[in-house]
Amino acid sequence: YSADWPGTAYAQPARNYLHAAIEQDSVRLVKLSASNSAVLWALHTARAHPDTLAHWGRRIRAWTGRSRGDTAQVFVYPAGDVCRDIPIEFLFVGSGDRAKVLDAKSPCFQTLRDEATP
């Protein structure tokens, strides 16, 4: 008996998107995204929080949330202490190699901005 761990099917598409974000590769982000907002979020986050985003460029854990038709909610957690309990929440359209990011968000980056504000 074997089964995929919840989120395994989305771990590689998430990893690809995150690496493109970390590298600020807009051309690759467009190919991996299903919306302009997903591209803009990745570029903005990479520019505003490069060190923090880099934690997701290492090992990640992906967990699926709700699925509706061809759309799945996926929570991606980084390895290490930075934001370890605060995932990036993805909304993927499609599955497997064809999965594309429709939306991405994380309160981790908002929290960091709030902590830096005097």
N, C-alpha and C. Protein backbone atom coordinates (compact mmCIF):
# COMPACT_ATOMS: atom_id res chain seq x y z
N TYR A 1 0.84 -1.18 0.00
CA TYR A 1 0.00 0.00 0.00
C TYR A 1 0.88 1.24 0.00
N SER A 2 0.57 2.17 -0.88
CA SER A 2 1.30 3.44 -0.87
C SER A 2 0.35 4.56 -1.25
N ALA A 3 0.66 5.72 -0.76
CA ALA A 3 -0.17 6.89 -1.07
C ALA A 3 0.74 8.11 -1.06
N ASP A 4 0.36 9.11 -1.84
CA ASP A 4 1.11 10.37 -1.83
C ASP A 4 0.76 11.15 -0.58
N TRP A 5 1.77 11.76 0.02
CA TRP A 5 1.55 12.65 1.14
C TRP A 5 0.75 13.85 0.63
N PRO A 6 -0.21 14.34 1.41
CA PRO A 6 -1.01 15.48 0.93
C PRO A 6 -0.12 16.65 0.52
N GLY A 7 -0.24 17.10 -0.69
CA GLY A 7 0.53 18.23 -1.19
C GLY A 7 1.72 17.84 -2.03
N THR A 8 2.09 16.55 -2.04
CA THR A 8 3.25 16.11 -2.79
C THR A 8 3.16 16.49 -4.27
N ALA A 9 1.99 16.37 -4.83
CA ALA A 9 1.81 16.67 -6.26
C ALA A 9 2.08 18.13 -6.59
N TYR A 10 2.00 19.00 -5.58
CA TYR A 10 2.21 20.43 -5.81
C TYR A 10 3.57 20.93 -5.32
N ALA A 11 4.34 20.06 -4.69
CA ALA A 11 5.63 20.49 -4.15
C ALA A 11 6.58 20.96 -5.25
N GLN A 12 6.69 20.22 -6.34
CA GLN A 12 7.62 20.63 -7.40
C GLN A 12 7.15 21.90 -8.13
N PRO A 13 5.86 22.03 -8.49
CA PRO A 13 5.44 23.31 -9.09
C PRO A 13 5.65 24.49 -8.13
N ALA A 14 5.44 24.29 -6.84
CA ALA A 14 5.67 25.36 -5.86
C ALA A 14 7.16 25.69 -5.81
N ARG A 15 7.99 24.67 -5.79
CA ARG A 15 9.44 24.86 -5.75
C ARG A 15 9.91 25.63 -6.99
N ASN A 16 9.40 25.26 -8.16
CA ASN A 16 9.78 25.95 -9.40
C ASN A 16 9.41 27.43 -9.34
N TYR A 17 8.20 27.71 -8.88
CA TYR A 17 7.72 29.09 -8.77
C TYR A 17 8.58 29.87 -7.78
N LEU A 18 8.86 29.27 -6.62
CA LEU A 18 9.65 29.95 -5.60
C LEU A 18 11.07 30.24 -6.07
N HIS A 19 11.68 29.30 -6.78
CA HIS A 19 13.03 29.53 -7.30
C HIS A 19 13.01 30.65 -8.34
N ALA A 20 11.99 30.69 -9.18
CA ALA A 20 11.88 31.78 -10.15
C ALA A 20 11.68 33.12 -9.44
N ALA A 21 10.92 33.11 -8.35
CA ALA A 21 10.72 34.33 -7.57
C ALA A 21 12.02 34.79 -6.94
N ILE A 22 12.74 33.87 -6.31
CA ILE A 22 14.00 34.21 -5.66
C ILE A 22 14.99 34.78 -6.67
N GLU A 23 15.00 34.23 -7.88
CA GLU A 23 15.88 34.71 -8.94
C GLU A 23 15.32 35.95 -9.65
N GLN A 24 14.09 36.34 -9.28
CA GLN A 24 13.38 37.46 -9.91
C GLN A 24 13.33 37.30 -11.42
N ASP A 25 13.04 36.08 -11.84
CA ASP A 25 12.97 35.73 -13.25
C ASP A 25 11.53 35.91 -13.73
N SER A 26 11.22 37.09 -14.21
CA SER A 26 9.84 37.41 -14.60
C SER A 26 9.34 36.57 -15.77
N VAL A 27 10.21 36.24 -16.70
CA VAL A 27 9.79 35.42 -17.84
C VAL A 27 9.35 34.03 -17.36
N ARG A 28 10.15 33.45 -16.50
CA ARG A 28 9.80 32.12 -15.97
C ARG A 28 8.56 32.20 -15.08
N LEU A 29 8.42 33.26 -14.30
CA LEU A 29 7.24 33.42 -13.46
C LEU A 29 5.97 33.49 -14.30
N VAL A 30 6.03 34.17 -15.42
CA VAL A 30 4.86 34.26 -16.31
C VAL A 30 4.47 32.85 -16.78
N LYS A 31 5.45 32.03 -17.12
CA LYS A 31 5.18 30.66 -17.57
C LYS A 31 4.60 29.79 -16.47
N LEU A 32 4.96 30.05 -15.22
CA LEU A 32 4.54 29.23 -14.09
C LEU A 32 3.27 29.75 -13.41
N SER A 33 2.77 30.89 -13.88
CA SER A 33 1.63 31.53 -13.24
C SER A 33 0.42 31.56 -14.16
N ALA A 34 -0.74 31.61 -13.53
CA ALA A 34 -2.00 31.70 -14.27
C ALA A 34 -2.63 33.08 -14.13
N SER A 35 -1.90 34.02 -13.51
CA SER A 35 -2.42 35.38 -13.36
C SER A 35 -1.27 36.36 -13.21
N ASN A 36 -1.55 37.61 -13.56
CA ASN A 36 -0.54 38.66 -13.37
C ASN A 36 -0.27 38.91 -11.90
N SER A 37 -1.31 38.76 -11.06
CA SER A 37 -1.12 39.02 -9.64
C SER A 37 -0.13 38.03 -9.02
N ALA A 38 -0.08 36.80 -9.49
CA ALA A 38 0.88 35.82 -8.98
C ALA A 38 2.31 36.23 -9.34
N VAL A 39 2.49 36.76 -10.53
CA VAL A 39 3.81 37.23 -10.97
C VAL A 39 4.21 38.45 -10.15
N LEU A 40 3.30 39.38 -9.99
CA LEU A 40 3.60 40.60 -9.24
C LEU A 40 3.90 40.31 -7.77
N TRP A 41 3.15 39.39 -7.17
CA TRP A 41 3.39 39.03 -5.77
C TRP A 41 4.81 38.48 -5.62
N ALA A 42 5.18 37.58 -6.50
CA ALA A 42 6.50 36.95 -6.42
C ALA A 42 7.61 37.99 -6.57
N LEU A 43 7.50 38.86 -7.54
CA LEU A 43 8.54 39.87 -7.76
C LEU A 43 8.61 40.86 -6.61
N HIS A 44 7.45 41.32 -6.13
CA HIS A 44 7.43 42.26 -5.01
C HIS A 44 8.03 41.62 -3.76
N THR A 45 7.63 40.39 -3.46
CA THR A 45 8.13 39.71 -2.27
C THR A 45 9.63 39.47 -2.36
N ALA A 46 10.10 39.08 -3.52
CA ALA A 46 11.54 38.83 -3.70
C ALA A 46 12.35 40.11 -3.52
N ARG A 47 11.80 41.22 -3.96
CA ARG A 47 12.52 42.49 -3.83
C ARG A 47 12.46 43.05 -2.42
N ALA A 48 11.31 42.89 -1.77
CA ALA A 48 11.13 43.45 -0.43
C ALA A 48 11.70 42.56 0.67
N HIS A 49 11.71 41.25 0.47
CA HIS A 49 12.12 40.30 1.51
C HIS A 49 12.99 39.18 0.95
N PRO A 50 14.08 39.50 0.28
CA PRO A 50 14.87 38.44 -0.37
C PRO A 50 15.42 37.39 0.60
N ASP A 51 15.89 37.82 1.75
CA ASP A 51 16.47 36.86 2.70
C ASP A 51 15.40 35.91 3.26
N THR A 52 14.23 36.45 3.55
CA THR A 52 13.16 35.62 4.09
C THR A 52 12.64 34.66 3.03
N LEU A 53 12.41 35.15 1.83
CA LEU A 53 11.92 34.28 0.76
C LEU A 53 12.90 33.16 0.47
N ALA A 54 14.18 33.43 0.65
CA ALA A 54 15.21 32.41 0.40
C ALA A 54 15.00 31.17 1.25
N HIS A 55 14.35 31.29 2.40
CA HIS A 55 14.08 30.12 3.25
C HIS A 55 13.17 29.11 2.54
N TRP A 56 12.32 29.59 1.66
CA TRP A 56 11.45 28.70 0.89
C TRP A 56 12.20 28.11 -0.31
N GLY A 57 13.38 28.61 -0.60
CA GLY A 57 14.18 28.08 -1.70
C GLY A 57 14.94 26.83 -1.32
N ARG A 58 14.93 26.52 -0.07
CA ARG A 58 15.60 25.30 0.41
C ARG A 58 14.56 24.19 0.44
N ARG A 59 14.48 23.50 1.53
CA ARG A 59 13.47 22.43 1.66
C ARG A 59 12.12 23.03 2.01
N ILE A 60 11.08 22.47 1.43
CA ILE A 60 9.72 22.92 1.74
C ILE A 60 8.84 21.71 2.04
N ARG A 61 7.75 21.98 2.72
CA ARG A 61 6.70 20.99 2.95
C ARG A 61 5.42 21.56 2.36
N ALA A 62 4.74 20.80 1.56
CA ALA A 62 3.50 21.26 0.93
C ALA A 62 2.32 20.43 1.44
N TRP A 63 1.25 21.11 1.78
CA TRP A 63 0.02 20.48 2.24
C TRP A 63 -1.14 21.02 1.43
N THR A 64 -2.00 20.15 1.00
CA THR A 64 -3.17 20.61 0.27
C THR A 64 -4.29 20.98 1.23
N GLY A 65 -5.03 21.97 0.82
CA GLY A 65 -6.22 22.40 1.56
C GLY A 65 -7.43 22.03 0.72
N ARG A 66 -8.31 22.98 0.52
CA ARG A 66 -9.52 22.73 -0.26
C ARG A 66 -9.20 22.58 -1.74
N SER A 67 -9.95 21.72 -2.39
CA SER A 67 -9.88 21.56 -3.85
C SER A 67 -11.27 21.76 -4.40
N ARG A 68 -11.33 22.45 -5.52
CA ARG A 68 -12.60 22.68 -6.19
C ARG A 68 -12.34 22.60 -7.69
N GLY A 69 -12.86 21.56 -8.32
CA GLY A 69 -12.62 21.36 -9.76
C GLY A 69 -11.14 21.19 -10.01
N ASP A 70 -10.57 22.05 -10.87
CA ASP A 70 -9.14 21.95 -11.19
C ASP A 70 -8.29 22.91 -10.36
N THR A 71 -8.87 23.46 -9.29
CA THR A 71 -8.18 24.44 -8.46
C THR A 71 -7.92 23.86 -7.07
N ALA A 72 -6.70 24.02 -6.57
CA ALA A 72 -6.34 23.49 -5.26
C ALA A 72 -5.63 24.54 -4.42
N GLN A 73 -5.97 24.57 -3.17
CA GLN A 73 -5.31 25.42 -2.18
C GLN A 73 -4.14 24.60 -1.62
N VAL A 74 -2.96 25.19 -1.59
CA VAL A 74 -1.76 24.49 -1.13
C VAL A 74 -1.01 25.40 -0.16
N PHE A 75 -0.63 24.84 0.98
CA PHE A 75 0.14 25.58 1.98
C PHE A 75 1.57 25.06 1.95
N VAL A 76 2.52 25.98 1.78
CA VAL A 76 3.93 25.59 1.67
C VAL A 76 4.70 26.20 2.83
N TYR A 77 5.33 25.33 3.60
CA TYR A 77 6.09 25.73 4.78
C TYR A 77 7.59 25.60 4.48
N PRO A 78 8.39 26.55 4.99
CA PRO A 78 9.84 26.46 4.80
C PRO A 78 10.49 25.60 5.87
N ALA A 79 11.68 25.14 5.58
CA ALA A 79 12.50 24.49 6.60
C ALA A 79 13.15 25.59 7.42
N GLY A 80 13.43 25.35 8.66
CA GLY A 80 14.09 26.35 9.50
C GLY A 80 13.12 27.11 10.36
N ASP A 81 13.63 28.13 11.04
CA ASP A 81 12.84 28.85 12.03
C ASP A 81 12.06 30.04 11.49
N VAL A 82 12.53 30.65 10.42
CA VAL A 82 11.86 31.84 9.90
C VAL A 82 10.52 31.44 9.31
N CYS A 83 9.47 31.99 9.87
CA CYS A 83 8.10 31.75 9.39
C CYS A 83 7.73 30.26 9.33
N ARG A 84 8.31 29.47 10.19
CA ARG A 84 8.07 28.02 10.10
C ARG A 84 6.62 27.64 10.34
N ASP A 85 5.86 28.49 11.05
CA ASP A 85 4.45 28.22 11.29
C ASP A 85 3.53 29.07 10.42
N ILE A 86 4.12 29.82 9.51
CA ILE A 86 3.34 30.72 8.65
C ILE A 86 3.65 30.38 7.20
N PRO A 87 2.78 29.66 6.53
CA PRO A 87 3.08 29.21 5.17
C PRO A 87 2.84 30.29 4.12
N ILE A 88 3.30 30.00 2.93
CA ILE A 88 2.82 30.71 1.75
C ILE A 88 1.61 29.91 1.29
N GLU A 89 0.51 30.60 1.10
CA GLU A 89 -0.71 29.95 0.64
C GLU A 89 -0.83 30.15 -0.87
N PHE A 90 -0.82 29.05 -1.59
CA PHE A 90 -0.95 29.09 -3.04
C PHE A 90 -2.34 28.66 -3.45
N LEU A 91 -2.77 29.16 -4.56
CA LEU A 91 -3.95 28.65 -5.24
C LEU A 91 -3.45 28.20 -6.60
N PHE A 92 -3.48 26.88 -6.83
CA PHE A 92 -3.00 26.31 -8.08
C PHE A 92 -4.16 25.96 -8.98
N VAL A 93 -3.96 26.14 -10.26
CA VAL A 93 -4.90 25.69 -11.28
C VAL A 93 -4.19 24.59 -12.05
N GLY A 94 -4.87 23.46 -12.23
CA GLY A 94 -4.26 22.32 -12.90
C GLY A 94 -3.51 21.46 -11.90
N SER A 95 -2.87 20.43 -12.41
CA SER A 95 -2.14 19.54 -11.52
C SER A 95 -0.89 19.00 -12.21
N GLY A 96 -0.05 18.38 -11.42
CA GLY A 96 1.18 17.81 -11.96
C GLY A 96 2.06 18.88 -12.58
N ASP A 97 2.68 18.53 -13.70
CA ASP A 97 3.57 19.46 -14.40
C ASP A 97 2.84 20.66 -14.98
N ARG A 98 1.52 20.55 -15.11
CA ARG A 98 0.74 21.65 -15.69
C ARG A 98 0.17 22.60 -14.65
N ALA A 99 0.43 22.35 -13.37
CA ALA A 99 -0.09 23.22 -12.31
C ALA A 99 0.54 24.60 -12.42
N LYS A 100 -0.31 25.62 -12.34
CA LYS A 100 0.16 27.01 -12.40
C LYS A 100 -0.39 27.76 -11.20
N VAL A 101 0.38 28.73 -10.74
CA VAL A 101 -0.01 29.53 -9.59
C VAL A 101 -1.00 30.60 -10.03
N LEU A 102 -2.18 30.54 -9.44
CA LEU A 102 -3.21 31.54 -9.69
C LEU A 102 -3.07 32.68 -8.69
N ASP A 103 -2.71 32.32 -7.45
CA ASP A 103 -2.57 33.33 -6.40
C ASP A 103 -1.56 32.83 -5.38
N ALA A 104 -0.89 33.77 -4.73
CA ALA A 104 0.06 33.45 -3.66
C ALA A 104 -0.01 34.57 -2.64
N LYS A 105 0.06 34.17 -1.37
CA LYS A 105 0.06 35.17 -0.30
C LYS A 105 0.61 34.53 0.97
N SER A 106 1.11 35.37 1.86
CA SER A 106 1.60 34.88 3.14
C SER A 106 1.61 36.01 4.15
N PRO A 107 0.99 35.78 5.30
CA PRO A 107 1.07 36.80 6.35
C PRO A 107 2.48 36.93 6.93
N CYS A 108 3.37 36.00 6.64
CA CYS A 108 4.74 36.08 7.13
C CYS A 108 5.40 37.38 6.69
N PHE A 109 5.23 37.75 5.46
CA PHE A 109 5.89 38.94 4.93
C PHE A 109 5.24 40.21 5.48
N GLN A 110 3.95 40.18 5.76
CA GLN A 110 3.26 41.30 6.41
C GLN A 110 3.77 41.45 7.83
N THR A 111 3.91 40.33 8.54
CA THR A 111 4.40 40.35 9.92
C THR A 111 5.79 40.94 9.99
N LEU A 112 6.65 40.55 9.08
CA LEU A 112 8.02 41.07 9.07
C LEU A 112 8.03 42.58 8.82
N ARG A 113 7.16 43.04 7.93
CA ARG A 113 7.10 44.47 7.63
C ARG A 113 6.62 45.22 8.86
N ASP A 114 5.60 44.67 9.56
CA ASP A 114 5.07 45.32 10.75
C ASP A 114 6.11 45.40 11.86
N GLU A 115 6.92 44.33 12.02
CA GLU A 115 7.94 44.30 13.05
C GLU A 115 9.06 45.30 12.76
N ALA A 116 9.32 45.58 11.50
CA ALA A 116 10.39 46.51 11.12
C ALA A 116 9.95 47.97 11.26
N THR A 117 8.64 48.21 11.32
CA THR A 117 8.12 49.57 11.41
C THR A 117 8.18 50.03 12.86
N PRO A 118 8.84 51.19 13.13
CA PRO A 118 8.94 51.67 14.52
C PRO A 118 7.62 52.16 15.05
